[in-house]
Amino acid sequence: MPRPGTFPTALRSTASSGTYSLSRLASGAMPFVLVPLLDSSGATTLFLVVAGALVVVALDVALLGPRTTGRRLESLNDDVKVGQPTR
């Protein structure tokens, strides 16, 4: 299975729309989690939870994301078609 960001052009719109849909669902659910946390624990705890989530996402992209620096999109598409790793 290709890694995010290395989808062939034909699948890229499907991947983008799926990610966007998950983002909208998560944005809709966040107030139900974060507002009670703010009410019970205060603004500092809320800030730390949000900052922690951002750090997790940043590490996920940095460690698990494909290495694309200095590579052309066409070479990434070729790697996915052949099944070669992109690192």
PDB file of N, CA and C in Angstrom:
ATOM      1  N   MET A   1       0.847  -1.187   0.000  1.00  0.00           N
ATOM      2  CA  MET A   1       0.000   0.000   0.000  1.00  0.00           C
ATOM      3  C   MET A   1       0.881   1.235   0.000  1.00  0.00           C
ATOM      4  N   PRO A   2       0.597   2.195  -0.859  1.00  0.00           N
ATOM      5  CA  PRO A   2       1.422   3.401  -0.914  1.00  0.00           C
ATOM      6  C   PRO A   2       1.270   4.238   0.345  1.00  0.00           C
ATOM      7  N   ARG A   3       2.307   4.944   0.645  1.00  0.00           N
ATOM      8  CA  ARG A   3       2.275   5.837   1.800  1.00  0.00           C
ATOM      9  C   ARG A   3       1.586   7.140   1.426  1.00  0.00           C
ATOM     10  N   PRO A   4       0.994   7.841   2.415  1.00  0.00           N
ATOM     11  CA  PRO A   4       0.372   9.135   2.103  1.00  0.00           C
ATOM     12  C   PRO A   4       1.383  10.058   1.436  1.00  0.00           C
ATOM     13  N   GLY A   5       0.954  10.736   0.419  1.00  0.00           N
ATOM     14  CA  GLY A   5       1.838  11.653  -0.283  1.00  0.00           C
ATOM     15  C   GLY A   5       2.493  11.013  -1.487  1.00  0.00           C
ATOM     16  N   THR A   6       2.414   9.682  -1.601  1.00  0.00           N
ATOM     17  CA  THR A   6       3.029   9.014  -2.738  1.00  0.00           C
ATOM     18  C   THR A   6       1.986   8.314  -3.589  1.00  0.00           C
ATOM     19  N   PHE A   7       0.760   8.768  -3.525  1.00  0.00           N
ATOM     20  CA  PHE A   7      -0.305   8.169  -4.313  1.00  0.00           C
ATOM     21  C   PHE A   7      -0.122   8.502  -5.777  1.00  0.00           C
ATOM     22  N   PRO A   8      -0.407   7.545  -6.633  1.00  0.00           N
ATOM     23  CA  PRO A   8      -0.429   7.869  -8.060  1.00  0.00           C
ATOM     24  C   PRO A   8      -1.480   8.954  -8.321  1.00  0.00           C
ATOM     25  N   THR A   9      -1.278   9.691  -9.364  1.00  0.00           N
ATOM     26  CA  THR A   9      -2.163  10.820  -9.657  1.00  0.00           C
ATOM     27  C   THR A   9      -3.624  10.410  -9.707  1.00  0.00           C
ATOM     28  N   ALA A  10      -3.907   9.236 -10.223  1.00  0.00           N
ATOM     29  CA  ALA A  10      -5.301   8.788 -10.350  1.00  0.00           C
ATOM     30  C   ALA A  10      -5.982   8.602  -8.987  1.00  0.00           C
ATOM     31  N   LEU A  11      -5.229   8.305  -7.947  1.00  0.00           N
ATOM     32  CA  LEU A  11      -5.816   8.073  -6.621  1.00  0.00           C
ATOM     33  C   LEU A  11      -5.724   9.283  -5.697  1.00  0.00           C
ATOM     34  N   ARG A  12      -5.003  10.294  -6.102  1.00  0.00           N
ATOM     35  CA  ARG A  12      -4.734  11.410  -5.205  1.00  0.00           C
ATOM     36  C   ARG A  12      -5.999  12.130  -4.745  1.00  0.00           C
ATOM     37  N   SER A  13      -6.973  12.327  -5.621  1.00  0.00           N
ATOM     38  CA  SER A  13      -8.191  13.038  -5.225  1.00  0.00           C
ATOM     39  C   SER A  13      -9.000  12.225  -4.217  1.00  0.00           C
ATOM     40  N   THR A  14      -9.027  10.906  -4.387  1.00  0.00           N
ATOM     41  CA  THR A  14      -9.739  10.056  -3.433  1.00  0.00           C
ATOM     42  C   THR A  14      -9.072  10.114  -2.065  1.00  0.00           C
ATOM     43  N   ALA A  15      -7.752  10.075  -2.045  1.00  0.00           N
ATOM     44  CA  ALA A  15      -7.020  10.145  -0.779  1.00  0.00           C
ATOM     45  C   ALA A  15      -7.222  11.506  -0.112  1.00  0.00           C
ATOM     46  N   SER A  16      -7.192  12.559  -0.892  1.00  0.00           N
ATOM     47  CA  SER A  16      -7.383  13.899  -0.332  1.00  0.00           C
ATOM     48  C   SER A  16      -8.783  14.068   0.235  1.00  0.00           C
ATOM     49  N   SER A  17      -9.779  13.576  -0.466  1.00  0.00           N
ATOM     50  CA  SER A  17     -11.146  13.739   0.027  1.00  0.00           C
ATOM     51  C   SER A  17     -11.396  12.881   1.258  1.00  0.00           C
ATOM     52  N   GLY A  18     -10.793  11.707   1.333  1.00  0.00           N
ATOM     53  CA  GLY A  18     -10.939  10.877   2.527  1.00  0.00           C
ATOM     54  C   GLY A  18     -10.301  11.525   3.744  1.00  0.00           C
ATOM     55  N   THR A  19      -9.119  12.093   3.552  1.00  0.00           N
ATOM     56  CA  THR A  19      -8.439  12.794   4.638  1.00  0.00           C
ATOM     57  C   THR A  19      -9.235  14.011   5.078  1.00  0.00           C
ATOM     58  N   TYR A  20      -9.769  14.736   4.128  1.00  0.00           N
ATOM     59  CA  TYR A  20     -10.573  15.915   4.449  1.00  0.00           C
ATOM     60  C   TYR A  20     -11.817  15.518   5.244  1.00  0.00           C
ATOM     61  N   SER A  21     -12.460  14.428   4.864  1.00  0.00           N
ATOM     62  CA  SER A  21     -13.659  13.971   5.581  1.00  0.00           C
ATOM     63  C   SER A  21     -13.334  13.588   7.014  1.00  0.00           C
ATOM     64  N   LEU A  22     -12.230  12.870   7.219  1.00  0.00           N
ATOM     65  CA  LEU A  22     -11.826  12.518   8.581  1.00  0.00           C
ATOM     66  C   LEU A  22     -11.505  13.760   9.398  1.00  0.00           C
ATOM     67  N   SER A  23     -10.902  14.733   8.764  1.00  0.00           N
ATOM     68  CA  SER A  23     -10.591  15.989   9.449  1.00  0.00           C
ATOM     69  C   SER A  23     -11.862  16.696   9.908  1.00  0.00           C
ATOM     70  N   ARG A  24     -12.866  16.730   9.043  1.00  0.00           N
ATOM     71  CA  ARG A  24     -14.133  17.380   9.404  1.00  0.00           C
ATOM     72  C   ARG A  24     -14.833  16.636  10.536  1.00  0.00           C
ATOM     73  N   LEU A  25     -14.801  15.301  10.509  1.00  0.00           N
ATOM     74  CA  LEU A  25     -15.405  14.523  11.595  1.00  0.00           C
ATOM     75  C   LEU A  25     -14.686  14.778  12.922  1.00  0.00           C
ATOM     76  N   ALA A  26     -13.367  14.803  12.886  1.00  0.00           N
ATOM     77  CA  ALA A  26     -12.599  15.068  14.103  1.00  0.00           C
ATOM     78  C   ALA A  26     -12.865  16.487  14.621  1.00  0.00           C
ATOM     79  N   SER A  27     -12.969  17.445  13.714  1.00  0.00           N
ATOM     80  CA  SER A  27     -13.270  18.823  14.134  1.00  0.00           C
ATOM     81  C   SER A  27     -14.646  18.920  14.774  1.00  0.00           C
ATOM     82  N   GLY A  28     -15.586  18.130  14.310  1.00  0.00           N
ATOM     83  CA  GLY A  28     -16.914  18.121  14.905  1.00  0.00           C
ATOM     84  C   GLY A  28     -16.942  17.464  16.280  1.00  0.00           C
ATOM     85  N   ALA A  29     -16.080  16.483  16.497  1.00  0.00           N
ATOM     86  CA  ALA A  29     -16.053  15.768  17.776  1.00  0.00           C
ATOM     87  C   ALA A  29     -15.212  16.485  18.835  1.00  0.00           C
ATOM     88  N   MET A  30     -14.262  17.297  18.418  1.00  0.00           N
ATOM     89  CA  MET A  30     -13.358  17.948  19.370  1.00  0.00           C
ATOM     90  C   MET A  30     -14.051  18.763  20.453  1.00  0.00           C
ATOM     91  N   PRO A  31     -15.058  19.558  20.155  1.00  0.00           N
ATOM     92  CA  PRO A  31     -15.684  20.337  21.232  1.00  0.00           C
ATOM     93  C   PRO A  31     -16.270  19.461  22.345  1.00  0.00           C
ATOM     94  N   PHE A  32     -16.732  18.268  21.992  1.00  0.00           N
ATOM     95  CA  PHE A  32     -17.309  17.386  22.994  1.00  0.00           C
ATOM     96  C   PHE A  32     -16.256  16.807  23.934  1.00  0.00           C
ATOM     97  N   VAL A  33     -14.999  16.842  23.517  1.00  0.00           N
ATOM     98  CA  VAL A  33     -13.901  16.375  24.362  1.00  0.00           C
ATOM     99  C   VAL A  33     -13.192  17.553  25.024  1.00  0.00           C
ATOM    100  N   LEU A  34     -12.925  18.597  24.255  1.00  0.00           N
ATOM    101  CA  LEU A  34     -12.093  19.686  24.754  1.00  0.00           C
ATOM    102  C   LEU A  34     -12.826  20.651  25.684  1.00  0.00           C
ATOM    103  N   VAL A  35     -14.098  20.910  25.447  1.00  0.00           N
ATOM    104  CA  VAL A  35     -14.826  21.838  26.319  1.00  0.00           C
ATOM    105  C   VAL A  35     -14.965  21.276  27.740  1.00  0.00           C
ATOM    106  N   PRO A  36     -15.350  20.002  27.916  1.00  0.00           N
ATOM    107  CA  PRO A  36     -15.364  19.466  29.285  1.00  0.00           C
ATOM    108  C   PRO A  36     -13.974  19.457  29.933  1.00  0.00           C
ATOM    109  N   LEU A  37     -12.932  19.209  29.137  1.00  0.00           N
ATOM    110  CA  LEU A  37     -11.575  19.254  29.669  1.00  0.00           C
ATOM    111  C   LEU A  37     -11.227  20.665  30.136  1.00  0.00           C
ATOM    112  N   LEU A  38     -11.593  21.658  29.366  1.00  0.00           N
ATOM    113  CA  LEU A  38     -11.368  23.054  29.754  1.00  0.00           C
ATOM    114  C   LEU A  38     -12.121  23.385  31.026  1.00  0.00           C
ATOM    115  N   ASP A  39     -13.353  22.927  31.113  1.00  0.00           N
ATOM    116  CA  ASP A  39     -14.187  23.210  32.283  1.00  0.00           C
ATOM    117  C   ASP A  39     -13.637  22.536  33.543  1.00  0.00           C
ATOM    118  N   SER A  40     -13.165  21.304  33.410  1.00  0.00           N
ATOM    119  CA  SER A  40     -12.728  20.579  34.609  1.00  0.00           C
ATOM    120  C   SER A  40     -11.271  20.828  34.976  1.00  0.00           C
ATOM    121  N   SER A  41     -10.407  21.051  33.993  1.00  0.00           N
ATOM    122  CA  SER A  41      -8.973  21.125  34.288  1.00  0.00           C
ATOM    123  C   SER A  41      -8.324  22.473  34.016  1.00  0.00           C
ATOM    124  N   GLY A  42      -8.968  23.325  33.268  1.00  0.00           N
ATOM    125  CA  GLY A  42      -8.408  24.651  33.023  1.00  0.00           C
ATOM    126  C   GLY A  42      -7.709  24.778  31.677  1.00  0.00           C
ATOM    127  N   ALA A  43      -7.363  26.012  31.395  1.00  0.00           N
ATOM    128  CA  ALA A  43      -6.793  26.347  30.092  1.00  0.00           C
ATOM    129  C   ALA A  43      -5.398  25.757  29.888  1.00  0.00           C
ATOM    130  N   THR A  44      -4.602  25.690  30.947  1.00  0.00           N
ATOM    131  CA  THR A  44      -3.240  25.155  30.801  1.00  0.00           C
ATOM    132  C   THR A  44      -3.265  23.698  30.363  1.00  0.00           C
ATOM    133  N   THR A  45      -4.124  22.902  30.978  1.00  0.00           N
ATOM    134  CA  THR A  45      -4.237  21.495  30.604  1.00  0.00           C
ATOM    135  C   THR A  45      -4.736  21.357  29.172  1.00  0.00           C
ATOM    136  N   LEU A  46      -5.705  22.168  28.807  1.00  0.00           N
ATOM    137  CA  LEU A  46      -6.229  22.128  27.442  1.00  0.00           C
ATOM    138  C   LEU A  46      -5.119  22.455  26.444  1.00  0.00           C
ATOM    139  N   PHE A  47      -4.345  23.489  26.741  1.00  0.00           N
ATOM    140  CA  PHE A  47      -3.237  23.861  25.863  1.00  0.00           C
ATOM    141  C   PHE A  47      -2.235  22.720  25.739  1.00  0.00           C
ATOM    142  N   LEU A  48      -1.901  22.076  26.850  1.00  0.00           N
ATOM    143  CA  LEU A  48      -0.937  20.978  26.820  1.00  0.00           C
ATOM    144  C   LEU A  48      -1.455  19.790  26.013  1.00  0.00           C
ATOM    145  N   VAL A  49      -2.743  19.490  26.105  1.00  0.00           N
ATOM    146  CA  VAL A  49      -3.323  18.393  25.325  1.00  0.00           C
ATOM    147  C   VAL A  49      -3.259  18.708  23.835  1.00  0.00           C
ATOM    148  N   VAL A  50      -3.629  19.907  23.452  1.00  0.00           N
ATOM    149  CA  VAL A  50      -3.592  20.295  22.035  1.00  0.00           C
ATOM    150  C   VAL A  50      -2.149  20.319  21.531  1.00  0.00           C
ATOM    151  N   ALA A  51      -1.226  20.875  22.323  1.00  0.00           N
ATOM    152  CA  ALA A  51       0.187  20.910  21.925  1.00  0.00           C
ATOM    153  C   ALA A  51       0.738  19.496  21.793  1.00  0.00           C
ATOM    154  N   GLY A  52       0.362  18.599  22.696  1.00  0.00           N
ATOM    155  CA  GLY A  52       0.801  17.209  22.609  1.00  0.00           C
ATOM    156  C   GLY A  52       0.300  16.527  21.345  1.00  0.00           C
ATOM    157  N   ALA A  53      -0.950  16.796  20.983  1.00  0.00           N
ATOM    158  CA  ALA A  53      -1.503  16.224  19.758  1.00  0.00           C
ATOM    159  C   ALA A  53      -0.744  16.740  18.530  1.00  0.00           C
ATOM    160  N   LEU A  54      -0.392  18.019  18.532  1.00  0.00           N
ATOM    161  CA  LEU A  54       0.373  18.579  17.418  1.00  0.00           C
ATOM    162  C   LEU A  54       1.760  17.955  17.322  1.00  0.00           C
ATOM    163  N   VAL A  55       2.392  17.697  18.458  1.00  0.00           N
ATOM    164  CA  VAL A  55       3.710  17.059  18.462  1.00  0.00           C
ATOM    165  C   VAL A  55       3.612  15.637  17.905  1.00  0.00           C
ATOM    166  N   VAL A  56       2.564  14.908  18.295  1.00  0.00           N
ATOM    167  CA  VAL A  56       2.373  13.546  17.781  1.00  0.00           C
ATOM    168  C   VAL A  56       2.216  13.556  16.262  1.00  0.00           C
ATOM    169  N   VAL A  57       1.443  14.490  15.740  1.00  0.00           N
ATOM    170  CA  VAL A  57       1.257  14.575  14.285  1.00  0.00           C
ATOM    171  C   VAL A  57       2.573  14.941  13.593  1.00  0.00           C
ATOM    172  N   ALA A  58       3.304  15.890  14.165  1.00  0.00           N
ATOM    173  CA  ALA A  58       4.582  16.296  13.568  1.00  0.00           C
ATOM    174  C   ALA A  58       5.571  15.127  13.545  1.00  0.00           C
ATOM    175  N   LEU A  59       5.640  14.360  14.632  1.00  0.00           N
ATOM    176  CA  LEU A  59       6.531  13.203  14.670  1.00  0.00           C
ATOM    177  C   LEU A  59       6.088  12.126  13.684  1.00  0.00           C
ATOM    178  N   ASP A  60       4.792  11.941  13.568  1.00  0.00           N
ATOM    179  CA  ASP A  60       4.257  10.958  12.626  1.00  0.00           C
ATOM    180  C   ASP A  60       4.692  11.290  11.201  1.00  0.00           C
ATOM    181  N   VAL A  61       4.541  12.532  10.819  1.00  0.00           N
ATOM    182  CA  VAL A  61       4.915  12.945   9.467  1.00  0.00           C
ATOM    183  C   VAL A  61       6.430  12.862   9.286  1.00  0.00           C
ATOM    184  N   ALA A  62       7.186  13.305  10.284  1.00  0.00           N
ATOM    185  CA  ALA A  62       8.645  13.313  10.164  1.00  0.00           C
ATOM    186  C   ALA A  62       9.239  11.907  10.121  1.00  0.00           C
ATOM    187  N   LEU A  63       8.704  10.990  10.917  1.00  0.00           N
ATOM    188  CA  LEU A  63       9.291   9.659  11.020  1.00  0.00           C
ATOM    189  C   LEU A  63       8.713   8.657  10.025  1.00  0.00           C
ATOM    190  N   LEU A  64       7.428   8.762   9.742  1.00  0.00           N
ATOM    191  CA  LEU A  64       6.780   7.773   8.893  1.00  0.00           C
ATOM    192  C   LEU A  64       6.492   8.253   7.483  1.00  0.00           C
ATOM    193  N   GLY A  65       6.618   9.542   7.262  1.00  0.00           N
ATOM    194  CA  GLY A  65       6.327  10.083   5.941  1.00  0.00           C
ATOM    195  C   GLY A  65       7.410   9.739   4.937  1.00  0.00           C
ATOM    196  N   PRO A  66       7.052   9.781   3.677  1.00  0.00           N
ATOM    197  CA  PRO A  66       8.029   9.443   2.633  1.00  0.00           C
ATOM    198  C   PRO A  66       9.087  10.533   2.496  1.00  0.00           C
ATOM    199  N   ARG A  67      10.261  10.135   2.101  1.00  0.00           N
ATOM    200  CA  ARG A  67      11.339  11.089   1.846  1.00  0.00           C
ATOM    201  C   ARG A  67      11.164  11.615   0.428  1.00  0.00           C
ATOM    202  N   THR A  68      10.797  12.870   0.301  1.00  0.00           N
ATOM    203  CA  THR A  68      10.519  13.438  -1.016  1.00  0.00           C
ATOM    204  C   THR A  68      11.425  14.605  -1.355  1.00  0.00           C
ATOM    205  N   THR A  69      12.325  14.992  -0.479  1.00  0.00           N
ATOM    206  CA  THR A  69      13.187  16.135  -0.728  1.00  0.00           C
ATOM    207  C   THR A  69      14.066  15.884  -1.952  1.00  0.00           C
ATOM    208  N   GLY A  70      13.990  16.801  -2.887  1.00  0.00           N
ATOM    209  CA  GLY A  70      14.815  16.716  -4.084  1.00  0.00           C
ATOM    210  C   GLY A  70      14.353  15.672  -5.100  1.00  0.00           C
ATOM    211  N   ARG A  71      13.157  15.124  -4.920  1.00  0.00           N
ATOM    212  CA  ARG A  71      12.648  14.114  -5.849  1.00  0.00           C
ATOM    213  C   ARG A  71      11.488  14.692  -6.641  1.00  0.00           C
ATOM    214  N   ARG A  72      11.381  14.280  -7.882  1.00  0.00           N
ATOM    215  CA  ARG A  72      10.272  14.717  -8.722  1.00  0.00           C
ATOM    216  C   ARG A  72       9.060  13.849  -8.458  1.00  0.00           C
ATOM    217  N   LEU A  73       7.869  14.410  -8.633  1.00  0.00           N
ATOM    218  CA  LEU A  73       6.624  13.673  -8.421  1.00  0.00           C
ATOM    219  C   LEU A  73       6.556  12.433  -9.302  1.00  0.00           C
ATOM    220  N   GLU A  74       7.053  12.553 -10.527  1.00  0.00           N
ATOM    221  CA  GLU A  74       7.008  11.419 -11.438  1.00  0.00           C
ATOM    222  C   GLU A  74       7.804  10.235 -10.892  1.00  0.00           C
ATOM    223  N   SER A  75       8.921  10.495 -10.231  1.00  0.00           N
ATOM    224  CA  SER A  75       9.718   9.391  -9.682  1.00  0.00           C
ATOM    225  C   SER A  75       8.989   8.729  -8.519  1.00  0.00           C
ATOM    226  N   LEU A  76       8.232   9.490  -7.762  1.00  0.00           N
ATOM    227  CA  LEU A  76       7.443   8.900  -6.677  1.00  0.00           C
ATOM    228  C   LEU A  76       6.345   8.023  -7.252  1.00  0.00           C
ATOM    229  N   ASN A  77       5.682   8.477  -8.292  1.00  0.00           N
ATOM    230  CA  ASN A  77       4.648   7.669  -8.936  1.00  0.00           C
ATOM    231  C   ASN A  77       5.238   6.380  -9.498  1.00  0.00           C
ATOM    232  N   ASP A  78       6.429   6.448 -10.091  1.00  0.00           N
ATOM    233  CA  ASP A  78       7.069   5.254 -10.628  1.00  0.00           C
ATOM    234  C   ASP A  78       7.392   4.259  -9.524  1.00  0.00           C
ATOM    235  N   ASP A  79       7.848   4.743  -8.370  1.00  0.00           N
ATOM    236  CA  ASP A  79       8.157   3.861  -7.240  1.00  0.00           C
ATOM    237  C   ASP A  79       6.919   3.119  -6.764  1.00  0.00           C
ATOM    238  N   VAL A  80       5.786   3.810  -6.713  1.00  0.00           N
ATOM    239  CA  VAL A  80       4.553   3.186  -6.249  1.00  0.00           C
ATOM    240  C   VAL A  80       4.092   2.133  -7.248  1.00  0.00           C
ATOM    241  N   LYS A  81       4.206   2.416  -8.536  1.00  0.00           N
ATOM    242  CA  LYS A  81       3.765   1.459  -9.555  1.00  0.00           C
ATOM    243  C   LYS A  81       4.578   0.176  -9.502  1.00  0.00           C
ATOM    244  N   VAL A  82       5.870   0.305  -9.280  1.00  0.00           N
ATOM    245  CA  VAL A  82       6.756  -0.846  -9.263  1.00  0.00           C
ATOM    246  C   VAL A  82       6.713  -1.532  -7.909  1.00  0.00           C
ATOM    247  N   GLY A  83       6.278  -0.829  -6.866  1.00  0.00           N
ATOM    248  CA  GLY A  83       6.223  -1.404  -5.534  1.00  0.00           C
ATOM    249  C   GLY A  83       7.492  -1.228  -4.749  1.00  0.00           C
ATOM    250  N   GLN A  84       8.352  -0.308  -5.179  1.00  0.00           N
ATOM    251  CA  GLN A  84       9.607  -0.069  -4.471  1.00  0.00           C
ATOM    252  C   GLN A  84       9.368   0.867  -3.310  1.00  0.00           C
ATOM    253  N   PRO A  85      10.138   0.742  -2.233  1.00  0.00           N
ATOM    254  CA  PRO A  85       9.995   1.688  -1.118  1.00  0.00           C
ATOM    255  C   PRO A  85      10.454   3.072  -1.553  1.00  0.00           C
ATOM    256  N   THR A  86       9.890   4.102  -0.921  1.00  0.00           N
ATOM    257  CA  THR A  86      10.192   5.476  -1.304  1.00  0.00           C
ATOM    258  C   THR A  86      11.251   6.110  -0.440  1.00  0.00           C
ATOM    259  N   ARG A  87      11.873   5.358   0.431  1.00  0.00           N
ATOM    260  CA  ARG A  87      12.912   5.940   1.305  1.00  0.00           C
ATOM    261  C   ARG A  87      14.265   5.774   0.697  1.00  0.00           C
TER     262      ARG A  87
END
